[in-house]
């Protein structure tokens, strides 16, 4: 009488499962990065325009100091 080992059920005839596809993950990651970049650019541009408009409309003089080593 022969006993079955756990390894007997995995032979060369058993098909292997395909690994999860990588392309959907790469596409989703790239899309998220692009969307975040675009939203950040638009948000920053809107804030920068508002700051420049506030400076231009300010009645007080503006002093800019640049320190160098």
Protein backbone atom coordinates (compact mmCIF):
# COMPACT_ATOMS: atom_id res chain seq x y z
CA UNK A 1 0.00 0.00 0.00
CA UNK A 2 1.37 3.37 -0.96
CA UNK A 3 0.58 6.59 0.85
CA UNK A 4 0.00 9.84 -0.92
CA UNK A 5 2.21 12.77 -0.10
CA UNK A 6 0.97 16.31 -0.31
CA UNK A 7 3.34 16.89 -3.21
CA UNK A 8 1.76 14.13 -5.32
CA UNK A 9 -1.21 16.27 -6.26
CA UNK A 10 1.02 18.92 -7.85
CA UNK A 11 2.49 17.43 -10.95
CA UNK A 12 3.47 18.76 -14.34
CA UNK A 13 -0.04 18.26 -15.71
CA UNK A 14 -1.59 20.70 -13.24
CA UNK A 15 -1.84 24.14 -14.87
CA UNK A 16 -0.34 27.02 -12.95
CA UNK A 17 -2.40 30.04 -12.11
CA UNK A 18 -1.50 33.14 -14.05
CA UNK A 19 -0.13 35.98 -11.95
CA UNK A 20 -2.22 39.10 -11.61
CA UNK A 21 -1.83 41.40 -14.61
CA UNK A 22 0.48 44.35 -14.01
CA UNK A 23 -0.85 46.74 -16.68
CA UNK A 24 -4.06 47.73 -14.86
CA UNK A 25 -2.04 48.56 -11.76
CA UNK A 26 0.43 50.65 -13.75
CA UNK A 27 -2.38 52.43 -15.57
CA UNK A 28 -4.21 53.22 -12.33
CA UNK A 29 -1.02 54.46 -10.67
CA UNK A 30 -0.11 56.64 -13.65
CA UNK A 31 -3.62 58.06 -13.83
CA UNK A 32 -3.62 58.88 -10.12
CA UNK A 33 -0.23 60.58 -10.37
CA UNK A 34 -1.29 62.65 -13.38
CA UNK A 35 -4.57 63.65 -11.76
CA UNK A 36 -2.80 64.66 -8.54
CA UNK A 37 -0.21 66.65 -10.48
CA UNK A 38 -2.86 68.43 -12.54
CA UNK A 39 -5.06 69.26 -9.54
CA UNK A 40 -2.01 70.53 -7.65
CA UNK A 41 -0.94 72.74 -10.54
CA UNK A 42 -4.41 74.25 -10.94
CA UNK A 43 -4.77 74.82 -7.19
CA UNK A 44 -1.31 76.41 -6.91
CA UNK A 45 -1.92 78.64 -9.92
CA UNK A 46 -5.22 79.83 -8.46
CA UNK A 47 -3.56 80.64 -5.11
CA UNK A 48 -0.65 82.39 -6.82
CA UNK A 49 -2.99 84.55 -8.91
CA UNK A 50 -4.99 85.49 -5.81
CA UNK A 51 -1.81 86.45 -3.94
CA UNK A 52 -0.54 88.57 -6.84
CA UNK A 53 -3.93 90.27 -7.16
CA UNK A 54 -3.92 91.05 -3.42
CA UNK A 55 -0.42 92.53 -3.67
CA UNK A 56 -1.36 94.64 -6.70
CA UNK A 57 -4.49 96.00 -5.01
CA UNK A 58 -2.76 96.75 -1.72
CA UNK A 59 -2.38 100.49 -1.04
CA UNK A 60 0.71 99.89 1.13
CA UNK A 61 4.18 99.89 -0.41
CA UNK A 62 5.83 96.51 -0.77
CA UNK A 63 9.37 95.92 0.43
CA UNK A 64 11.29 92.93 -0.87
CA UNK A 65 14.47 91.83 0.88
CA UNK A 66 16.80 89.24 -0.62
CA UNK A 67 19.49 87.95 1.69
CA UNK A 68 22.64 86.50 0.24
CA UNK A 69 25.50 84.80 1.98
